[in-house]
Amino acid sequence: MRGISTVVITVGPEATRQMRPPRALYPRGFKVGNALGRPFMRDLQKRVLRDALMLLKEPPRPGEIIERDYPEYGAGE
């Protein structure tokens, strides 16, 4: 295999689906500018990033977006 494996973390799944990246994670409900979570939510940010990096173990699936819920993102709104 050649090249660098990539993964996208998106808050706009419709547009991302059209671009067909090899791997994509959509944290449901996250807002623009908060793709990893709100500021100072370090544990959540690490969790989202780890989930995205785990997709690198999977074979590429262009156009497929893995959706995950992170309830702690909505807490304290």
PDB file of N, CA and C in Angstrom:
ATOM      1  N   MET A   1       0.846  -1.176   0.000  1.00  0.00           N
ATOM      2  CA  MET A   1       0.000   0.000   0.000  1.00  0.00           C
ATOM      3  C   MET A   1       0.891   1.239   0.000  1.00  0.00           C
ATOM      4  N   ARG A   2       0.501   2.216  -0.771  1.00  0.00           N
ATOM      5  CA  ARG A   2       1.277   3.450  -0.847  1.00  0.00           C
ATOM      6  C   ARG A   2       0.425   4.607  -0.365  1.00  0.00           C
ATOM      7  N   GLY A   3       1.086   5.664   0.056  1.00  0.00           N
ATOM      8  CA  GLY A   3       0.366   6.857   0.472  1.00  0.00           C
ATOM      9  C   GLY A   3       0.139   6.893   1.970  1.00  0.00           C
ATOM     10  N   ILE A   4      -0.608   7.890   2.373  1.00  0.00           N
ATOM     11  CA  ILE A   4      -0.906   8.098   3.785  1.00  0.00           C
ATOM     12  C   ILE A   4      -2.388   7.820   4.001  1.00  0.00           C
ATOM     13  N   SER A   5      -2.690   6.955   4.950  1.00  0.00           N
ATOM     14  CA  SER A   5      -4.083   6.669   5.276  1.00  0.00           C
ATOM     15  C   SER A   5      -4.713   7.899   5.900  1.00  0.00           C
ATOM     16  N   THR A   6      -5.989   8.153   5.570  1.00  0.00           N
ATOM     17  CA  THR A   6      -6.664   9.334   6.086  1.00  0.00           C
ATOM     18  C   THR A   6      -8.007   8.973   6.683  1.00  0.00           C
ATOM     19  N   VAL A   7      -8.450   9.844   7.587  1.00  0.00           N
ATOM     20  CA  VAL A   7      -9.778   9.744   8.176  1.00  0.00           C
ATOM     21  C   VAL A   7     -10.290  11.167   8.375  1.00  0.00           C
ATOM     22  N   VAL A   8     -11.586  11.367   8.160  1.00  0.00           N
ATOM     23  CA  VAL A   8     -12.221  12.671   8.301  1.00  0.00           C
ATOM     24  C   VAL A   8     -13.141  12.633   9.515  1.00  0.00           C
ATOM     25  N   ILE A   9     -13.110  13.686  10.315  1.00  0.00           N
ATOM     26  CA  ILE A   9     -14.107  13.885  11.366  1.00  0.00           C
ATOM     27  C   ILE A   9     -14.977  15.021  10.864  1.00  0.00           C
ATOM     28  N   THR A  10     -16.263  14.746  10.671  1.00  0.00           N
ATOM     29  CA  THR A  10     -17.143  15.719  10.028  1.00  0.00           C
ATOM     30  C   THR A  10     -18.336  16.097  10.886  1.00  0.00           C
ATOM     31  N   VAL A  11     -18.757  17.340  10.762  1.00  0.00           N
ATOM     32  CA  VAL A  11     -20.018  17.772  11.367  1.00  0.00           C
ATOM     33  C   VAL A  11     -21.045  18.038  10.262  1.00  0.00           C
ATOM     34  N   GLY A  12     -20.654  17.803   9.013  1.00  0.00           N
ATOM     35  CA  GLY A  12     -21.535  17.958   7.851  1.00  0.00           C
ATOM     36  C   GLY A  12     -21.548  16.689   7.036  1.00  0.00           C
ATOM     37  N   PRO A  13     -22.236  15.637   7.499  1.00  0.00           N
ATOM     38  CA  PRO A  13     -22.154  14.338   6.826  1.00  0.00           C
ATOM     39  C   PRO A  13     -22.646  14.338   5.384  1.00  0.00           C
ATOM     40  N   GLU A  14     -23.632  15.176   5.051  1.00  0.00           N
ATOM     41  CA  GLU A  14     -24.155  15.172   3.689  1.00  0.00           C
ATOM     42  C   GLU A  14     -23.070  15.591   2.690  1.00  0.00           C
ATOM     43  N   ALA A  15     -22.383  16.674   2.998  1.00  0.00           N
ATOM     44  CA  ALA A  15     -21.309  17.150   2.115  1.00  0.00           C
ATOM     45  C   ALA A  15     -20.149  16.162   2.094  1.00  0.00           C
ATOM     46  N   THR A  16     -19.824  15.599   3.231  1.00  0.00           N
ATOM     47  CA  THR A  16     -18.716  14.646   3.320  1.00  0.00           C
ATOM     48  C   THR A  16     -19.020  13.400   2.504  1.00  0.00           C
ATOM     49  N   ARG A  17     -20.260  12.939   2.555  1.00  0.00           N
ATOM     50  CA  ARG A  17     -20.646  11.740   1.792  1.00  0.00           C
ATOM     51  C   ARG A  17     -20.405  11.949   0.296  1.00  0.00           C
ATOM     52  N   GLN A  18     -20.660  13.152  -0.174  1.00  0.00           N
ATOM     53  CA  GLN A  18     -20.456  13.452  -1.592  1.00  0.00           C
ATOM     54  C   GLN A  18     -18.974  13.443  -1.967  1.00  0.00           C
ATOM     55  N   MET A  19     -18.112  13.810  -1.020  1.00  0.00           N
ATOM     56  CA  MET A  19     -16.666  13.824  -1.281  1.00  0.00           C
ATOM     57  C   MET A  19     -16.062  12.422  -1.250  1.00  0.00           C
ATOM     58  N   ARG A  20     -16.762  11.475  -0.625  1.00  0.00           N
ATOM     59  CA  ARG A  20     -16.341  10.081  -0.556  1.00  0.00           C
ATOM     60  C   ARG A  20     -14.928   9.867   0.000  1.00  0.00           C
ATOM     61  N   PRO A  21     -14.658  10.397   1.208  1.00  0.00           N
ATOM     62  CA  PRO A  21     -13.341  10.119   1.790  1.00  0.00           C
ATOM     63  C   PRO A  21     -13.241   8.628   2.122  1.00  0.00           C
ATOM     64  N   PRO A  22     -12.034   8.101   2.234  1.00  0.00           N
ATOM     65  CA  PRO A  22     -11.877   6.663   2.496  1.00  0.00           C
ATOM     66  C   PRO A  22     -12.447   6.228   3.848  1.00  0.00           C
ATOM     67  N   ARG A  23     -12.398   7.115   4.831  1.00  0.00           N
ATOM     68  CA  ARG A  23     -12.930   6.813   6.166  1.00  0.00           C
ATOM     69  C   ARG A  23     -13.469   8.113   6.751  1.00  0.00           C
ATOM     70  N   ALA A  24     -14.615   8.034   7.424  1.00  0.00           N
ATOM     71  CA  ALA A  24     -15.190   9.247   8.006  1.00  0.00           C
ATOM     72  C   ALA A  24     -15.959   8.922   9.283  1.00  0.00           C
ATOM     73  N   LEU A  25     -15.856   9.825  10.237  1.00  0.00           N
ATOM     74  CA  LEU A  25     -16.576   9.717  11.511  1.00  0.00           C
ATOM     75  C   LEU A  25     -17.450  10.952  11.669  1.00  0.00           C
ATOM     76  N   TYR A  26     -18.700  10.721  12.002  1.00  0.00           N
ATOM     77  CA  TYR A  26     -19.640  11.810  12.264  1.00  0.00           C
ATOM     78  C   TYR A  26     -20.105  11.719  13.716  1.00  0.00           C
ATOM     79  N   PRO A  27     -19.588  12.599  14.577  1.00  0.00           N
ATOM     80  CA  PRO A  27     -20.103  12.644  15.952  1.00  0.00           C
ATOM     81  C   PRO A  27     -21.445  13.386  15.931  1.00  0.00           C
ATOM     82  N   ARG A  28     -22.543  12.648  16.024  1.00  0.00           N
ATOM     83  CA  ARG A  28     -23.891  13.214  15.883  1.00  0.00           C
ATOM     84  C   ARG A  28     -24.128  14.386  16.827  1.00  0.00           C
ATOM     85  N   GLY A  29     -24.672  15.459  16.236  1.00  0.00           N
ATOM     86  CA  GLY A  29     -25.064  16.613  17.039  1.00  0.00           C
ATOM     87  C   GLY A  29     -23.971  17.629  17.295  1.00  0.00           C
ATOM     88  N   PHE A  30     -22.739  17.324  16.914  1.00  0.00           N
ATOM     89  CA  PHE A  30     -21.652  18.279  17.135  1.00  0.00           C
ATOM     90  C   PHE A  30     -21.829  19.456  16.176  1.00  0.00           C
ATOM     91  N   LYS A  31     -21.475  20.632  16.650  1.00  0.00           N
ATOM     92  CA  LYS A  31     -21.647  21.852  15.858  1.00  0.00           C
ATOM     93  C   LYS A  31     -20.367  22.220  15.121  1.00  0.00           C
ATOM     94  N   VAL A  32     -20.528  23.052  14.097  1.00  0.00           N
ATOM     95  CA  VAL A  32     -19.375  23.538  13.329  1.00  0.00           C
ATOM     96  C   VAL A  32     -18.392  24.202  14.298  1.00  0.00           C
ATOM     97  N   GLY A  33     -17.122  23.856  14.153  1.00  0.00           N
ATOM     98  CA  GLY A  33     -16.090  24.388  15.041  1.00  0.00           C
ATOM     99  C   GLY A  33     -15.840  23.519  16.258  1.00  0.00           C
ATOM    100  N   ASN A  34     -16.694  22.512  16.453  1.00  0.00           N
ATOM    101  CA  ASN A  34     -16.553  21.606  17.601  1.00  0.00           C
ATOM    102  C   ASN A  34     -16.459  20.156  17.146  1.00  0.00           C
ATOM    103  N   ALA A  35     -15.705  19.882  16.095  1.00  0.00           N
ATOM    104  CA  ALA A  35     -15.640  18.521  15.550  1.00  0.00           C
ATOM    105  C   ALA A  35     -15.150  17.501  16.569  1.00  0.00           C
ATOM    106  N   LEU A  36     -14.366  17.932  17.535  1.00  0.00           N
ATOM    107  CA  LEU A  36     -13.890  17.023  18.587  1.00  0.00           C
ATOM    108  C   LEU A  36     -14.620  17.236  19.906  1.00  0.00           C
ATOM    109  N   GLY A  37     -15.464  18.236  19.988  1.00  0.00           N
ATOM    110  CA  GLY A  37     -16.148  18.570  21.231  1.00  0.00           C
ATOM    111  C   GLY A  37     -15.884  20.029  21.581  1.00  0.00           C
ATOM    112  N   ARG A  38     -16.553  20.491  22.622  1.00  0.00           N
ATOM    113  CA  ARG A  38     -16.385  21.887  23.040  1.00  0.00           C
ATOM    114  C   ARG A  38     -15.018  22.115  23.686  1.00  0.00           C
ATOM    115  N   PRO A  39     -14.593  23.372  23.763  1.00  0.00           N
ATOM    116  CA  PRO A  39     -13.326  23.673  24.441  1.00  0.00           C
ATOM    117  C   PRO A  39     -13.334  23.131  25.874  1.00  0.00           C
ATOM    118  N   PHE A  40     -12.202  22.679  26.297  1.00  0.00           N
ATOM    119  CA  PHE A  40     -11.950  22.184  27.653  1.00  0.00           C
ATOM    120  C   PHE A  40     -12.619  20.842  27.953  1.00  0.00           C
ATOM    121  N   MET A  41     -13.219  20.202  26.967  1.00  0.00           N
ATOM    122  CA  MET A  41     -13.801  18.865  27.156  1.00  0.00           C
ATOM    123  C   MET A  41     -12.747  17.839  26.727  1.00  0.00           C
ATOM    124  N   ARG A  42     -11.633  17.839  27.431  1.00  0.00           N
ATOM    125  CA  ARG A  42     -10.467  17.042  27.024  1.00  0.00           C
ATOM    126  C   ARG A  42     -10.759  15.552  26.894  1.00  0.00           C
ATOM    127  N   ASP A  43     -11.485  14.996  27.859  1.00  0.00           N
ATOM    128  CA  ASP A  43     -11.765  13.553  27.800  1.00  0.00           C
ATOM    129  C   ASP A  43     -12.605  13.206  26.573  1.00  0.00           C
ATOM    130  N   LEU A  44     -13.598  14.029  26.290  1.00  0.00           N
ATOM    131  CA  LEU A  44     -14.430  13.803  25.111  1.00  0.00           C
ATOM    132  C   LEU A  44     -13.597  13.973  23.840  1.00  0.00           C
ATOM    133  N   GLN A  45     -12.787  15.002  23.777  1.00  0.00           N
ATOM    134  CA  GLN A  45     -11.959  15.245  22.598  1.00  0.00           C
ATOM    135  C   GLN A  45     -11.042  14.061  22.328  1.00  0.00           C
ATOM    136  N   LYS A  46     -10.438  13.526  23.379  1.00  0.00           N
ATOM    137  CA  LYS A  46      -9.566  12.356  23.214  1.00  0.00           C
ATOM    138  C   LYS A  46     -10.356  11.154  22.717  1.00  0.00           C
ATOM    139  N   ARG A  47     -11.564  10.989  23.253  1.00  0.00           N
ATOM    140  CA  ARG A  47     -12.393   9.846  22.860  1.00  0.00           C
ATOM    141  C   ARG A  47     -12.776   9.917  21.383  1.00  0.00           C
ATOM    142  N   VAL A  48     -13.198  11.097  20.922  1.00  0.00           N
ATOM    143  CA  VAL A  48     -13.569  11.262  19.517  1.00  0.00           C
ATOM    144  C   VAL A  48     -12.349  11.012  18.629  1.00  0.00           C
ATOM    145  N   LEU A  49     -11.215  11.568  19.005  1.00  0.00           N
ATOM    146  CA  LEU A  49      -9.994  11.384  18.219  1.00  0.00           C
ATOM    147  C   LEU A  49      -9.580   9.913  18.180  1.00  0.00           C
ATOM    148  N   ARG A  50      -9.667   9.229  19.305  1.00  0.00           N
ATOM    149  CA  ARG A  50      -9.333   7.798  19.323  1.00  0.00           C
ATOM    150  C   ARG A  50     -10.287   6.998  18.433  1.00  0.00           C
ATOM    151  N   ASP A  51     -11.577   7.333  18.509  1.00  0.00           N
ATOM    152  CA  ASP A  51     -12.549   6.636  17.658  1.00  0.00           C
ATOM    153  C   ASP A  51     -12.218   6.839  16.183  1.00  0.00           C
ATOM    154  N   ALA A  52     -11.836   8.055  15.827  1.00  0.00           N
ATOM    155  CA  ALA A  52     -11.473   8.344  14.430  1.00  0.00           C
ATOM    156  C   ALA A  52     -10.217   7.571  14.034  1.00  0.00           C
ATOM    157  N   LEU A  53      -9.229   7.568  14.893  1.00  0.00           N
ATOM    158  CA  LEU A  53      -7.991   6.861  14.579  1.00  0.00           C
ATOM    159  C   LEU A  53      -8.200   5.353  14.484  1.00  0.00           C
ATOM    160  N   MET A  54      -9.149   4.819  15.236  1.00  0.00           N
ATOM    161  CA  MET A  54      -9.446   3.386  15.159  1.00  0.00           C
ATOM    162  C   MET A  54      -9.976   3.006  13.774  1.00  0.00           C
ATOM    163  N   LEU A  55     -10.579   3.960  13.081  1.00  0.00           N
ATOM    164  CA  LEU A  55     -11.067   3.679  11.726  1.00  0.00           C
ATOM    165  C   LEU A  55      -9.926   3.375  10.766  1.00  0.00           C
ATOM    166  N   LEU A  56      -8.715   3.803  11.108  1.00  0.00           N
ATOM    167  CA  LEU A  56      -7.565   3.533  10.251  1.00  0.00           C
ATOM    168  C   LEU A  56      -7.220   2.045  10.205  1.00  0.00           C
ATOM    169  N   LYS A  57      -7.722   1.279  11.168  1.00  0.00           N
ATOM    170  CA  LYS A  57      -7.501  -0.170  11.168  1.00  0.00           C
ATOM    171  C   LYS A  57      -8.410  -0.868  10.161  1.00  0.00           C
ATOM    172  N   GLU A  58      -9.475  -0.188   9.768  1.00  0.00           N
ATOM    173  CA  GLU A  58     -10.466  -0.748   8.850  1.00  0.00           C
ATOM    174  C   GLU A  58     -10.049  -0.504   7.403  1.00  0.00           C
ATOM    175  N   PRO A  59     -10.505  -1.343   6.491  1.00  0.00           N
ATOM    176  CA  PRO A  59     -10.245  -1.056   5.074  1.00  0.00           C
ATOM    177  C   PRO A  59     -11.047   0.179   4.646  1.00  0.00           C
ATOM    178  N   PRO A  60     -10.571   0.893   3.645  1.00  0.00           N
ATOM    179  CA  PRO A  60     -11.297   2.078   3.168  1.00  0.00           C
ATOM    180  C   PRO A  60     -12.702   1.716   2.692  1.00  0.00           C
ATOM    181  N   ARG A  61     -13.664   2.600   2.999  1.00  0.00           N
ATOM    182  CA  ARG A  61     -15.041   2.442   2.540  1.00  0.00           C
ATOM    183  C   ARG A  61     -15.533   3.803   2.045  1.00  0.00           C
ATOM    184  N   PRO A  62     -15.068   4.241   0.884  1.00  0.00           N
ATOM    185  CA  PRO A  62     -15.428   5.569   0.378  1.00  0.00           C
ATOM    186  C   PRO A  62     -16.937   5.806   0.355  1.00  0.00           C
ATOM    187  N   GLY A  63     -17.331   6.947   0.907  1.00  0.00           N
ATOM    188  CA  GLY A  63     -18.737   7.326   0.927  1.00  0.00           C
ATOM    189  C   GLY A  63     -19.498   6.867   2.154  1.00  0.00           C
ATOM    190  N   GLU A  64     -18.931   5.935   2.918  1.00  0.00           N
ATOM    191  CA  GLU A  64     -19.597   5.465   4.139  1.00  0.00           C
ATOM    192  C   GLU A  64     -19.128   6.316   5.321  1.00  0.00           C
ATOM    193  N   ILE A  65     -20.061   6.731   6.138  1.00  0.00           N
ATOM    194  CA  ILE A  65     -19.731   7.559   7.304  1.00  0.00           C
ATOM    195  C   ILE A  65     -20.177   6.815   8.557  1.00  0.00           C
ATOM    196  N   ILE A  66     -19.254   6.632   9.469  1.00  0.00           N
ATOM    197  CA  ILE A  66     -19.549   5.990  10.745  1.00  0.00           C
ATOM    198  C   ILE A  66     -20.117   7.060  11.672  1.00  0.00           C
ATOM    199  N   GLU A  67     -21.312   6.826  12.179  1.00  0.00           N
ATOM    200  CA  GLU A  67     -21.957   7.786  13.081  1.00  0.00           C
ATOM    201  C   GLU A  67     -21.871   7.286  14.512  1.00  0.00           C
ATOM    202  N   ARG A  68     -21.536   8.191  15.416  1.00  0.00           N
ATOM    203  CA  ARG A  68     -21.437   7.835  16.834  1.00  0.00           C
ATOM    204  C   ARG A  68     -22.118   8.909  17.675  1.00  0.00           C
ATOM    205  N   ASP A  69     -22.708   8.481  18.771  1.00  0.00           N
ATOM    206  CA  ASP A  69     -23.295   9.406  19.738  1.00  0.00           C
ATOM    207  C   ASP A  69     -22.319   9.614  20.883  1.00  0.00           C
ATOM    208  N   TYR A  70     -22.230  10.841  21.333  1.00  0.00           N
ATOM    209  CA  TYR A  70     -21.402  11.207  22.474  1.00  0.00           C
ATOM    210  C   TYR A  70     -22.288  12.066  23.385  1.00  0.00           C
ATOM    211  N   PRO A  71     -23.055  11.413  24.276  1.00  0.00           N
ATOM    212  CA  PRO A  71     -24.028  12.147  25.100  1.00  0.00           C
ATOM    213  C   PRO A  71     -23.411  13.258  25.948  1.00  0.00           C
ATOM    214  N   GLU A  72     -22.166  13.106  26.339  1.00  0.00           N
ATOM    215  CA  GLU A  72     -21.543  14.138  27.189  1.00  0.00           C
ATOM    216  C   GLU A  72     -21.385  15.467  26.470  1.00  0.00           C
ATOM    217  N   TYR A  73     -21.410  15.456  25.131  1.00  0.00           N
ATOM    218  CA  TYR A  73     -21.321  16.705  24.365  1.00  0.00           C
ATOM    219  C   TYR A  73     -22.542  17.586  24.638  1.00  0.00           C
ATOM    220  N   GLY A  74     -23.713  16.970  24.730  1.00  0.00           N
ATOM    221  CA  GLY A  74     -24.943  17.716  24.960  1.00  0.00           C
ATOM    222  C   GLY A  74     -25.154  18.115  26.407  1.00  0.00           C
ATOM    223  N   ALA A  75     -24.432  17.477  27.323  1.00  0.00           N
ATOM    224  CA  ALA A  75     -24.579  17.805  28.746  1.00  0.00           C
ATOM    225  C   ALA A  75     -24.065  19.214  29.016  1.00  0.00           C
ATOM    226  N   GLY A  76     -24.811  19.966  29.723  1.00  0.00           N
ATOM    227  CA  GLY A  76     -24.381  21.317  30.088  1.00  0.00           C
ATOM    228  C   GLY A  76     -24.677  22.353  29.028  1.00  0.00           C
ATOM    229  N   GLU A  77     -25.534  22.011  28.070  1.00  0.00           N
ATOM    230  CA  GLU A  77     -25.885  22.982  27.031  1.00  0.00           C
ATOM    231  C   GLU A  77     -26.742  24.071  27.597  1.00  0.00           C
TER     232      GLU A  77
END
